[in-house]
Every structure is written in C-alpha cells, then in structure tokens.
C-alpha cells in the first residue's frame, strides 16, 4: 500500500482512495517462480529493503 514508501521517507501525503472501476483488479502480486526456474534468478532484496535502497540512492544523487 501507499504507506510503505511514505513510512520510509517520513512523508505525509494526502492519499485519496476512490472506488474501483469495472474491470479493475482487486489485487495483484508478482510470481517470480518462472524467473527462478528459467534463469536461476531470485531477488536480492525484499520490497521494503529495495524501497529503502532506492530512496537512499535518490537522496544521495539528487540532494
């Protein structure tokens, strides 16, 4: 959810949730089993750690 990135940055965004539209997906999740089986690949970081590293990079490069 949107609180993930804002929790890491300390931002307090005004998030407005609106009702879904016809045809919208209720949930979406990645399945990396094919990448693991075909390429032998698996992620180096979980989502929170990846977000934190990305935020740190942006702060370092763009500050």
PDB file of N, CA and C in Angstrom:
ATOM      1  N   UNK A   1       0.825  -1.192   0.000  1.00  0.00           N
ATOM      2  CA  UNK A   1       0.000   0.000   0.000  1.00  0.00           C
ATOM      3  C   UNK A   1       0.862   1.246   0.000  1.00  0.00           C
ATOM      4  N   UNK A   2       0.243   2.375  -0.071  1.00  0.00           N
ATOM      5  CA  UNK A   2       0.966   3.642  -0.184  1.00  0.00           C
ATOM      6  C   UNK A   2       1.731   3.996   1.075  1.00  0.00           C
ATOM      7  N   UNK A   3       1.392   3.406   2.199  1.00  0.00           N
ATOM      8  CA  UNK A   3       2.097   3.750   3.430  1.00  0.00           C
ATOM      9  C   UNK A   3       3.523   3.208   3.443  1.00  0.00           C
ATOM     10  N   UNK A   4       3.850   2.254   2.594  1.00  0.00           N
ATOM     11  CA  UNK A   4       5.194   1.687   2.560  1.00  0.00           C
ATOM     12  C   UNK A   4       6.261   2.725   2.289  1.00  0.00           C
ATOM     13  N   UNK A   5       6.170   3.416   1.178  1.00  0.00           N
ATOM     14  CA  UNK A   5       7.171   4.417   0.827  1.00  0.00           C
ATOM     15  C   UNK A   5       7.104   5.615   1.756  1.00  0.00           C
ATOM     16  N   UNK A   6       5.908   6.056   2.110  1.00  0.00           N
ATOM     17  CA  UNK A   6       5.810   7.226   2.985  1.00  0.00           C
ATOM     18  C   UNK A   6       6.334   6.911   4.375  1.00  0.00           C
ATOM     19  N   UNK A   7       6.181   5.680   4.817  1.00  0.00           N
ATOM     20  CA  UNK A   7       6.727   5.288   6.112  1.00  0.00           C
ATOM     21  C   UNK A   7       8.243   5.334   6.123  1.00  0.00           C
ATOM     22  N   UNK A   8       8.866   5.013   4.997  1.00  0.00           N
ATOM     23  CA  UNK A   8      10.322   5.036   4.902  1.00  0.00           C
ATOM     24  C   UNK A   8      10.868   6.447   4.741  1.00  0.00           C
ATOM     25  N   UNK A   9      10.087   7.328   4.135  1.00  0.00           N
ATOM     26  CA  UNK A   9      10.572   8.689   3.882  1.00  0.00           C
ATOM     27  C   UNK A   9      10.127   9.686   4.932  1.00  0.00           C
ATOM     28  N   UNK A  10       9.114   9.323   5.705  1.00  0.00           N
ATOM     29  CA  UNK A  10       8.564  10.258   6.675  1.00  0.00           C
ATOM     30  C   UNK A  10       7.571  11.226   6.062  1.00  0.00           C
ATOM     31  N   UNK A  11       7.268  11.049   4.775  1.00  0.00           N
ATOM     32  CA  UNK A  11       6.308  11.924   4.091  1.00  0.00           C
ATOM     33  C   UNK A  11       4.906  11.664   4.616  1.00  0.00           C
ATOM     34  N   UNK A  12       4.080  12.674   4.549  1.00  0.00           N
ATOM     35  CA  UNK A  12       2.680  12.571   4.962  1.00  0.00           C
ATOM     36  C   UNK A  12       1.789  12.975   3.785  1.00  0.00           C
ATOM     37  N   UNK A  13       1.719  12.134   2.757  1.00  0.00           N
ATOM     38  CA  UNK A  13       0.936  12.511   1.577  1.00  0.00           C
ATOM     39  C   UNK A  13      -0.564  12.472   1.854  1.00  0.00           C
ATOM     40  N   UNK A  14      -1.298  13.302   1.141  1.00  0.00           N
ATOM     41  CA  UNK A  14      -2.758  13.271   1.198  1.00  0.00           C
ATOM     42  C   UNK A  14      -3.222  12.245   0.168  1.00  0.00           C
ATOM     43  N   UNK A  15      -3.532  11.051   0.629  1.00  0.00           N
ATOM     44  CA  UNK A  15      -3.948   9.974  -0.264  1.00  0.00           C
ATOM     45  C   UNK A  15      -5.463   9.921  -0.284  1.00  0.00           C
ATOM     46  N   UNK A  16      -6.011   9.966  -1.470  1.00  0.00           N
ATOM     47  CA  UNK A  16      -7.461   9.903  -1.635  1.00  0.00           C
ATOM     48  C   UNK A  16      -7.795   8.579  -2.317  1.00  0.00           C
ATOM     49  N   UNK A  17      -8.480   7.712  -1.594  1.00  0.00           N
ATOM     50  CA  UNK A  17      -8.885   6.428  -2.148  1.00  0.00           C
ATOM     51  C   UNK A  17     -10.247   6.586  -2.807  1.00  0.00           C
ATOM     52  N   UNK A  18     -10.354   6.081  -4.005  1.00  0.00           N
ATOM     53  CA  UNK A  18     -11.612   6.157  -4.744  1.00  0.00           C
ATOM     54  C   UNK A  18     -12.098   4.740  -5.023  1.00  0.00           C
ATOM     55  N   UNK A  19     -13.394   4.592  -5.260  1.00  0.00           N
ATOM     56  CA  UNK A  19     -13.918   3.257  -5.557  1.00  0.00           C
ATOM     57  C   UNK A  19     -13.310   2.709  -6.846  1.00  0.00           C
ATOM     58  N   UNK A  20     -13.218   1.394  -6.901  1.00  0.00           N
ATOM     59  CA  UNK A  20     -12.694   0.765  -8.103  1.00  0.00           C
ATOM     60  C   UNK A  20     -13.630   0.945  -9.286  1.00  0.00           C
ATOM     61  N   UNK A  21     -13.066   0.787 -10.469  1.00  0.00           N
ATOM     62  CA  UNK A  21     -13.852   0.885 -11.695  1.00  0.00           C
ATOM     63  C   UNK A  21     -14.134  -0.519 -12.215  1.00  0.00           C
ATOM     64  N   UNK A  22     -15.149  -0.680 -13.005  1.00  0.00           N
ATOM     65  CA  UNK A  22     -15.412  -2.002 -13.581  1.00  0.00           C
ATOM     66  C   UNK A  22     -14.182  -2.500 -14.343  1.00  0.00           C
ATOM     67  N   UNK A  23     -13.784  -3.725 -14.076  1.00  0.00           N
ATOM     68  CA  UNK A  23     -12.630  -4.308 -14.750  1.00  0.00           C
ATOM     69  C   UNK A  23     -11.324  -4.142 -14.004  1.00  0.00           C
ATOM     70  N   UNK A  24     -11.285  -3.287 -12.977  1.00  0.00           N
ATOM     71  CA  UNK A  24     -10.067  -3.121 -12.180  1.00  0.00           C
ATOM     72  C   UNK A  24      -9.756  -4.409 -11.423  1.00  0.00           C
ATOM     73  N   UNK A  25      -8.490  -4.722 -11.283  1.00  0.00           N
ATOM     74  CA  UNK A  25      -8.078  -5.871 -10.486  1.00  0.00           C
ATOM     75  C   UNK A  25      -8.195  -5.524  -9.010  1.00  0.00           C
ATOM     76  N   UNK A  26      -8.650  -6.458  -8.206  1.00  0.00           N
ATOM     77  CA  UNK A  26      -8.768  -6.246  -6.766  1.00  0.00           C
ATOM     78  C   UNK A  26      -7.414  -6.375  -6.082  1.00  0.00           C
ATOM     79  N   UNK A  27      -6.575  -7.245  -6.605  1.00  0.00           N
ATOM     80  CA  UNK A  27      -5.250  -7.454  -6.016  1.00  0.00           C
ATOM     81  C   UNK A  27      -4.306  -7.909  -7.119  1.00  0.00           C
ATOM     82  N   UNK A  28      -3.047  -7.639  -6.930  1.00  0.00           N
ATOM     83  CA  UNK A  28      -2.040  -8.015  -7.905  1.00  0.00           C
ATOM     84  C   UNK A  28      -0.775  -8.385  -7.155  1.00  0.00           C
ATOM     85  N   UNK A  29      -0.205  -9.513  -7.489  1.00  0.00           N
ATOM     86  CA  UNK A  29       1.061  -9.896  -6.862  1.00  0.00           C
ATOM     87  C   UNK A  29       1.940 -10.573  -7.902  1.00  0.00           C
ATOM     88  N   UNK A  30       3.226 -10.382  -7.761  1.00  0.00           N
ATOM     89  CA  UNK A  30       4.187 -10.945  -8.701  1.00  0.00           C
ATOM     90  C   UNK A  30       4.488 -12.396  -8.347  1.00  0.00           C
ATOM     91  N   UNK A  31       4.675 -13.208  -9.378  1.00  0.00           N
ATOM     92  CA  UNK A  31       5.091 -14.593  -9.202  1.00  0.00           C
ATOM     93  C   UNK A  31       6.413 -14.751  -9.940  1.00  0.00           C
ATOM     94  N   UNK A  32       7.489 -14.881  -9.188  1.00  0.00           N
ATOM     95  CA  UNK A  32       8.813 -14.941  -9.810  1.00  0.00           C
ATOM     96  C   UNK A  32       9.290 -16.366 -10.028  1.00  0.00           C
ATOM     97  N   UNK A  33       8.411 -17.355  -9.859  1.00  0.00           N
ATOM     98  CA  UNK A  33       8.822 -18.755  -9.977  1.00  0.00           C
ATOM     99  C   UNK A  33       9.378 -19.074 -11.364  1.00  0.00           C
ATOM    100  N   UNK A  34       8.840 -18.447 -12.399  1.00  0.00           N
ATOM    101  CA  UNK A  34       9.338 -18.701 -13.758  1.00  0.00           C
ATOM    102  C   UNK A  34      10.754 -18.150 -13.937  1.00  0.00           C
ATOM    103  N   UNK A  35      11.011 -16.984 -13.398  1.00  0.00           N
ATOM    104  CA  UNK A  35      12.362 -16.414 -13.469  1.00  0.00           C
ATOM    105  C   UNK A  35      13.345 -17.282 -12.697  1.00  0.00           C
ATOM    106  N   UNK A  36      12.913 -17.791 -11.553  1.00  0.00           N
ATOM    107  CA  UNK A  36      13.775 -18.688 -10.780  1.00  0.00           C
ATOM    108  C   UNK A  36      14.070 -19.955 -11.557  1.00  0.00           C
ATOM    109  N   UNK A  37      13.027 -20.566 -12.136  1.00  0.00           N
ATOM    110  CA  UNK A  37      13.192 -21.829 -12.856  1.00  0.00           C
ATOM    111  C   UNK A  37      14.001 -21.659 -14.138  1.00  0.00           C
ATOM    112  N   UNK A  38      13.738 -20.608 -14.900  1.00  0.00           N
ATOM    113  CA  UNK A  38      14.380 -20.414 -16.197  1.00  0.00           C
ATOM    114  C   UNK A  38      15.771 -19.802 -16.082  1.00  0.00           C
ATOM    115  N   UNK A  39      15.909 -18.803 -15.254  1.00  0.00           N
ATOM    116  CA  UNK A  39      17.153 -18.039 -15.178  1.00  0.00           C
ATOM    117  C   UNK A  39      17.984 -18.324 -13.934  1.00  0.00           C
ATOM    118  N   UNK A  40      17.381 -19.017 -12.979  1.00  0.00           N
ATOM    119  CA  UNK A  40      18.069 -19.223 -11.708  1.00  0.00           C
ATOM    120  C   UNK A  40      18.152 -17.936 -10.899  1.00  0.00           C
ATOM    121  N   UNK A  41      17.243 -17.010 -11.183  1.00  0.00           N
ATOM    122  CA  UNK A  41      17.263 -15.690 -10.545  1.00  0.00           C
ATOM    123  C   UNK A  41      16.328 -15.650  -9.358  1.00  0.00           C
ATOM    124  N   UNK A  42      16.752 -14.964  -8.336  1.00  0.00           N
ATOM    125  CA  UNK A  42      15.859 -14.639  -7.228  1.00  0.00           C
ATOM    126  C   UNK A  42      16.239 -13.248  -6.736  1.00  0.00           C
ATOM    127  N   UNK A  43      15.286 -12.522  -6.175  1.00  0.00           N
ATOM    128  CA  UNK A  43      15.569 -11.148  -5.763  1.00  0.00           C
ATOM    129  C   UNK A  43      16.608 -11.085  -4.653  1.00  0.00           C
ATOM    130  N   UNK A  44      17.426 -10.061  -4.725  1.00  0.00           N
ATOM    131  CA  UNK A  44      18.456  -9.855  -3.708  1.00  0.00           C
ATOM    132  C   UNK A  44      17.875  -9.186  -2.467  1.00  0.00           C
ATOM    133  N   UNK A  45      16.824  -8.389  -2.646  1.00  0.00           N
ATOM    134  CA  UNK A  45      16.220  -7.642  -1.545  1.00  0.00           C
ATOM    135  C   UNK A  45      14.720  -7.879  -1.512  1.00  0.00           C
ATOM    136  N   UNK A  46      14.143  -7.806  -0.312  1.00  0.00           N
ATOM    137  CA  UNK A  46      12.687  -7.817  -0.221  1.00  0.00           C
ATOM    138  C   UNK A  46      12.183  -6.415  -0.575  1.00  0.00           C
ATOM    139  N   UNK A  47      10.877  -6.250  -0.653  1.00  0.00           N
ATOM    140  CA  UNK A  47      10.298  -4.983  -1.103  1.00  0.00           C
ATOM    141  C   UNK A  47      10.715  -3.798  -0.243  1.00  0.00           C
ATOM    142  N   UNK A  48      10.637  -3.941   1.064  1.00  0.00           N
ATOM    143  CA  UNK A  48      10.967  -2.823   1.954  1.00  0.00           C
ATOM    144  C   UNK A  48      12.436  -2.440   1.810  1.00  0.00           C
ATOM    145  N   UNK A  49      13.324  -3.423   1.775  1.00  0.00           N
ATOM    146  CA  UNK A  49      14.763  -3.131   1.629  1.00  0.00           C
ATOM    147  C   UNK A  49      15.051  -2.505   0.266  1.00  0.00           C
ATOM    148  N   UNK A  50      14.389  -2.990  -0.779  1.00  0.00           N
ATOM    149  CA  UNK A  50      14.563  -2.412  -2.111  1.00  0.00           C
ATOM    150  C   UNK A  50      14.094  -0.971  -2.171  1.00  0.00           C
ATOM    151  N   UNK A  51      12.941  -0.689  -1.560  1.00  0.00           N
ATOM    152  CA  UNK A  51      12.460   0.696  -1.493  1.00  0.00           C
ATOM    153  C   UNK A  51      13.439   1.578  -0.734  1.00  0.00           C
ATOM    154  N   UNK A  52      13.945   1.076   0.391  1.00  0.00           N
ATOM    155  CA  UNK A  52      14.875   1.872   1.195  1.00  0.00           C
ATOM    156  C   UNK A  52      16.150   2.172   0.421  1.00  0.00           C
ATOM    157  N   UNK A  53      16.680   1.189  -0.297  1.00  0.00           N
ATOM    158  CA  UNK A  53      17.886   1.418  -1.092  1.00  0.00           C
ATOM    159  C   UNK A  53      17.628   2.425  -2.211  1.00  0.00           C
ATOM    160  N   UNK A  54      16.448   2.353  -2.831  1.00  0.00           N
ATOM    161  CA  UNK A  54      16.100   3.294  -3.893  1.00  0.00           C
ATOM    162  C   UNK A  54      15.960   4.706  -3.341  1.00  0.00           C
ATOM    163  N   UNK A  55      15.288   4.849  -2.221  1.00  0.00           N
ATOM    164  CA  UNK A  55      15.132   6.158  -1.573  1.00  0.00           C
ATOM    165  C   UNK A  55      16.494   6.722  -1.186  1.00  0.00           C
ATOM    166  N   UNK A  56      17.349   5.891  -0.612  1.00  0.00           N
ATOM    167  CA  UNK A  56      18.698   6.331  -0.238  1.00  0.00           C
ATOM    168  C   UNK A  56      19.470   6.811  -1.458  1.00  0.00           C
ATOM    169  N   UNK A  57      19.357   6.087  -2.572  1.00  0.00           N
ATOM    170  CA  UNK A  57      20.051   6.468  -3.802  1.00  0.00           C
ATOM    171  C   UNK A  57      19.561   7.828  -4.288  1.00  0.00           C
ATOM    172  N   UNK A  58      18.246   8.016  -4.344  1.00  0.00           N
ATOM    173  CA  UNK A  58      17.703   9.306  -4.784  1.00  0.00           C
ATOM    174  C   UNK A  58      18.171  10.436  -3.882  1.00  0.00           C
ATOM    175  N   UNK A  59      18.187  10.209  -2.605  1.00  0.00           N
ATOM    176  CA  UNK A  59      18.646  11.260  -1.685  1.00  0.00           C
ATOM    177  C   UNK A  59      20.124  11.578  -1.907  1.00  0.00           C
ATOM    178  N   UNK A  60      20.921  10.556  -2.148  1.00  0.00           N
ATOM    179  CA  UNK A  60      22.351  10.749  -2.368  1.00  0.00           C
ATOM    180  C   UNK A  60      22.612  11.483  -3.686  1.00  0.00           C
ATOM    181  N   UNK A  61      21.926  11.077  -4.739  1.00  0.00           N
ATOM    182  CA  UNK A  61      22.181  11.619  -6.073  1.00  0.00           C
ATOM    183  C   UNK A  61      21.513  12.973  -6.290  1.00  0.00           C
ATOM    184  N   UNK A  62      20.306  13.167  -5.790  1.00  0.00           N
ATOM    185  CA  UNK A  62      19.531  14.362  -6.086  1.00  0.00           C
ATOM    186  C   UNK A  62      19.475  15.375  -4.951  1.00  0.00           C
ATOM    187  N   UNK A  63      20.197  15.136  -3.882  1.00  0.00           N
ATOM    188  CA  UNK A  63      20.187  16.107  -2.773  1.00  0.00           C
ATOM    189  C   UNK A  63      21.295  17.116  -2.923  1.00  0.00           C
TER     190      UNK A  63
END
